[in-house]
Amino acid sequence: MSGSFAVLREIRGVLQDDPSSERRWYHDDYFDLFVRQTGDELVAFELCYSIHSNERALVWRRGEGYFHDGETSGAGNFIGARLAPGDPLEADPIIARFALASGGLADTLRLALEARLREYALQNADGSARRTRFRRADWQRIRGEQELQEDPGRIP
């Protein structure tokens, strides 16, 4: 992949609503990554991508599997859509871009995320379901965009 991409930077001061895990938020010009960790162990993530145009998100929760928010038909601009059998994972442009952007994350987190992306993209994932419209939880919005309201059903 050519060109220069921003790297994910951690957003500090994220609402912590579960004492058994830590919620973290990373952002760049294309991705928002929300994770829940217990120590160094990844327990959930939401990878939002194409955040300034046709936003989509891949969500994974340990013990529940995956689901995808956002349109997945049409141009094939969603995670795994452009992979053919036998292609390396990096042949997917979204995954390749994430690999560049995630280079500054802690190795344990980055490797866990890469494993989950591989599993999903290669369709080895259980529990995939799709919604055609992406929805952010209120706490995930940029300050001042909307009054905060709790949504206890959303993880991370």
Protein backbone atom coordinates (compact mmCIF):
# COMPACT_ATOMS: atom_id res chain seq x y z
CA MET A 1 0.00 0.00 0.00
CA SER A 2 1.44 3.34 -0.95
CA GLY A 3 0.91 6.75 0.55
CA SER A 4 1.13 8.13 4.02
CA PHE A 5 -1.41 7.30 6.70
CA ALA A 6 -1.98 8.64 10.17
CA VAL A 7 -1.43 6.32 13.09
CA LEU A 8 -4.00 5.58 15.73
CA ARG A 9 -3.67 7.84 18.77
CA GLU A 10 -5.29 7.11 22.11
CA ILE A 11 -8.08 9.42 23.26
CA ARG A 12 -7.76 9.91 27.01
CA GLY A 13 -10.57 10.36 29.53
CA VAL A 14 -12.92 7.72 28.09
CA LEU A 15 -16.01 6.92 30.15
CA GLN A 16 -15.32 3.84 32.29
CA ASP A 17 -18.55 2.04 33.17
CA ASP A 18 -17.38 -1.47 34.09
CA PRO A 19 -14.83 -1.97 36.88
CA SER A 20 -13.91 -5.43 35.57
CA SER A 21 -12.44 -4.06 32.32
CA GLU A 22 -10.91 -0.94 30.83
CA ARG A 23 -12.45 0.87 27.88
CA ARG A 24 -9.99 2.53 25.48
CA TRP A 25 -10.45 4.65 22.35
CA TYR A 26 -7.97 5.13 19.50
CA HIS A 27 -8.52 7.48 16.56
CA ASP A 28 -7.01 8.60 13.26
CA ASP A 29 -8.43 10.17 10.11
CA TYR A 30 -10.04 6.92 8.89
CA PHE A 31 -10.55 4.70 11.94
CA ASP A 32 -12.05 4.86 15.40
CA LEU A 33 -11.09 1.83 17.47
CA PHE A 34 -12.89 1.15 20.75
CA VAL A 35 -11.58 -1.72 22.85
CA ARG A 36 -12.30 -3.35 26.19
CA GLN A 37 -9.43 -5.06 27.92
CA THR A 38 -8.97 -6.98 31.12
CA GLY A 39 -5.28 -6.44 31.78
CA ASP A 40 -3.66 -7.13 28.41
CA GLU A 41 -6.46 -9.43 27.25
CA LEU A 42 -8.83 -8.17 24.55
CA VAL A 43 -12.45 -8.88 25.50
CA ALA A 44 -14.28 -6.70 22.94
CA PHE A 45 -13.64 -4.23 20.16
CA GLU A 46 -15.44 -2.03 17.69
CA LEU A 47 -13.44 -0.98 14.64
CA CYS A 48 -15.19 1.90 12.90
CA TYR A 49 -13.83 2.71 9.45
CA SER A 50 -14.46 5.15 6.64
CA ILE A 51 -15.53 7.52 9.42
CA HIS A 52 -15.97 10.60 7.25
CA SER A 53 -18.03 9.11 4.44
CA ASN A 54 -19.98 5.84 4.55
CA GLU A 55 -19.08 4.77 8.09
CA ARG A 56 -19.06 1.09 8.94
CA ALA A 57 -18.00 -0.91 11.99
CA LEU A 58 -16.89 -4.42 12.77
CA VAL A 59 -17.75 -5.43 16.33
CA TRP A 60 -16.45 -8.45 18.21
CA ARG A 61 -17.21 -9.59 21.76
CA ARG A 62 -15.60 -12.60 23.41
CA GLY A 63 -18.18 -15.34 23.77
CA GLU A 64 -20.63 -13.61 21.39
CA GLY A 65 -18.79 -13.35 18.09
CA TYR A 66 -18.97 -10.69 15.40
CA PHE A 67 -21.41 -8.37 13.78
CA HIS A 68 -20.99 -5.72 11.14
CA ASP A 69 -22.73 -2.33 11.11
CA GLY A 70 -23.10 -0.52 7.82
CA GLU A 71 -23.79 -1.33 4.21
CA THR A 72 -21.99 -4.40 2.89
CA SER A 73 -23.42 -4.58 -0.60
CA GLY A 74 -22.37 -2.65 -3.65
CA ALA A 75 -18.77 -1.55 -4.16
CA GLY A 76 -17.27 -4.08 -1.75
CA ASN A 77 -15.76 -1.46 0.53
CA PHE A 78 -16.08 -3.46 3.72
CA ILE A 79 -13.65 -5.65 5.61
CA GLY A 80 -12.84 -8.84 3.75
CA ALA A 81 -14.95 -8.07 0.66
CA ARG A 82 -12.03 -7.97 -1.74
CA LEU A 83 -10.24 -11.10 -0.53
CA ALA A 84 -10.19 -14.05 -2.88
CA PRO A 85 -9.36 -17.58 -1.72
CA GLY A 86 -5.63 -17.82 -1.14
CA ASP A 87 -5.04 -14.05 -0.97
CA PRO A 88 -2.91 -12.75 1.89
CA LEU A 89 -4.89 -10.80 4.45
CA GLU A 90 -3.04 -7.63 3.46
CA ALA A 91 -4.68 -7.81 0.00
CA ASP A 92 -7.75 -6.31 1.65
CA PRO A 93 -7.29 -2.51 1.47
CA ILE A 94 -9.04 -1.82 4.78
CA ILE A 95 -7.01 -4.41 6.66
CA ALA A 96 -3.80 -3.18 5.02
CA ARG A 97 -4.62 0.38 6.06
CA PHE A 98 -5.38 -0.77 9.61
CA ALA A 99 -2.04 -2.63 9.75
CA LEU A 100 -0.26 0.65 8.98
CA ALA A 101 -2.37 2.71 11.39
CA SER A 102 -2.09 0.23 14.26
CA GLY A 103 1.70 0.01 14.24
CA GLY A 104 1.96 2.11 17.41
CA LEU A 105 -0.43 0.00 19.49
CA ALA A 106 0.92 -2.32 22.17
CA ASP A 107 1.98 -5.60 20.57
CA THR A 108 -0.45 -7.72 22.58
CA LEU A 109 -3.40 -5.54 21.54
CA ARG A 110 -2.30 -5.24 17.91
CA LEU A 111 -1.75 -8.99 17.54
CA ALA A 112 -5.11 -9.81 19.16
CA LEU A 113 -6.87 -7.39 16.80
CA GLU A 114 -5.06 -8.80 13.77
CA ALA A 115 -6.14 -12.32 14.76
CA ARG A 116 -9.78 -11.24 15.05
CA LEU A 117 -9.66 -9.38 11.71
CA ARG A 118 -8.13 -12.42 10.03
CA GLU A 119 -10.81 -14.70 11.48
CA TYR A 120 -13.61 -12.40 10.32
CA ALA A 121 -12.19 -11.58 6.89
CA LEU A 122 -11.56 -15.21 6.04
CA GLN A 123 -15.10 -16.06 7.18
CA ASN A 124 -13.96 -18.33 9.95
CA ALA A 125 -16.05 -16.30 12.36
CA ASP A 126 -19.15 -17.42 14.20
CA GLY A 127 -22.03 -15.10 14.92
CA SER A 128 -21.73 -12.70 11.99
CA ALA A 129 -24.82 -10.59 11.57
CA ARG A 130 -25.21 -7.38 9.63
CA ARG A 131 -27.14 -4.16 10.06
CA THR A 132 -27.32 -1.87 7.05
CA ARG A 133 -26.90 1.34 9.03
CA PHE A 134 -24.04 2.11 11.39
CA ARG A 135 -24.97 3.42 14.86
CA ARG A 136 -22.59 4.95 17.38
CA ALA A 137 -23.24 4.95 21.10
CA ASP A 138 -23.59 8.45 22.49
CA TRP A 139 -20.34 8.25 24.45
CA GLN A 140 -18.49 7.54 21.17
CA ARG A 141 -19.45 10.84 19.60
CA ILE A 142 -17.19 13.84 19.47
CA ARG A 143 -17.84 16.23 22.34
CA GLY A 144 -20.68 18.67 21.77
CA GLU A 145 -22.15 16.66 18.91
CA GLN A 146 -25.00 15.33 21.01
CA GLU A 147 -26.05 15.25 24.64
CA LEU A 148 -24.68 12.12 26.31
CA GLN A 149 -27.11 9.36 27.17
CA GLU A 150 -26.27 5.94 28.51
CA ASP A 151 -26.86 2.91 26.32
CA PRO A 152 -26.12 -0.10 28.55
CA GLY A 153 -26.46 -2.55 25.66
CA ARG A 154 -23.42 -1.25 23.78
CA ILE A 155 -19.97 -2.76 24.23
CA PRO A 156 -17.21 -1.62 24.01
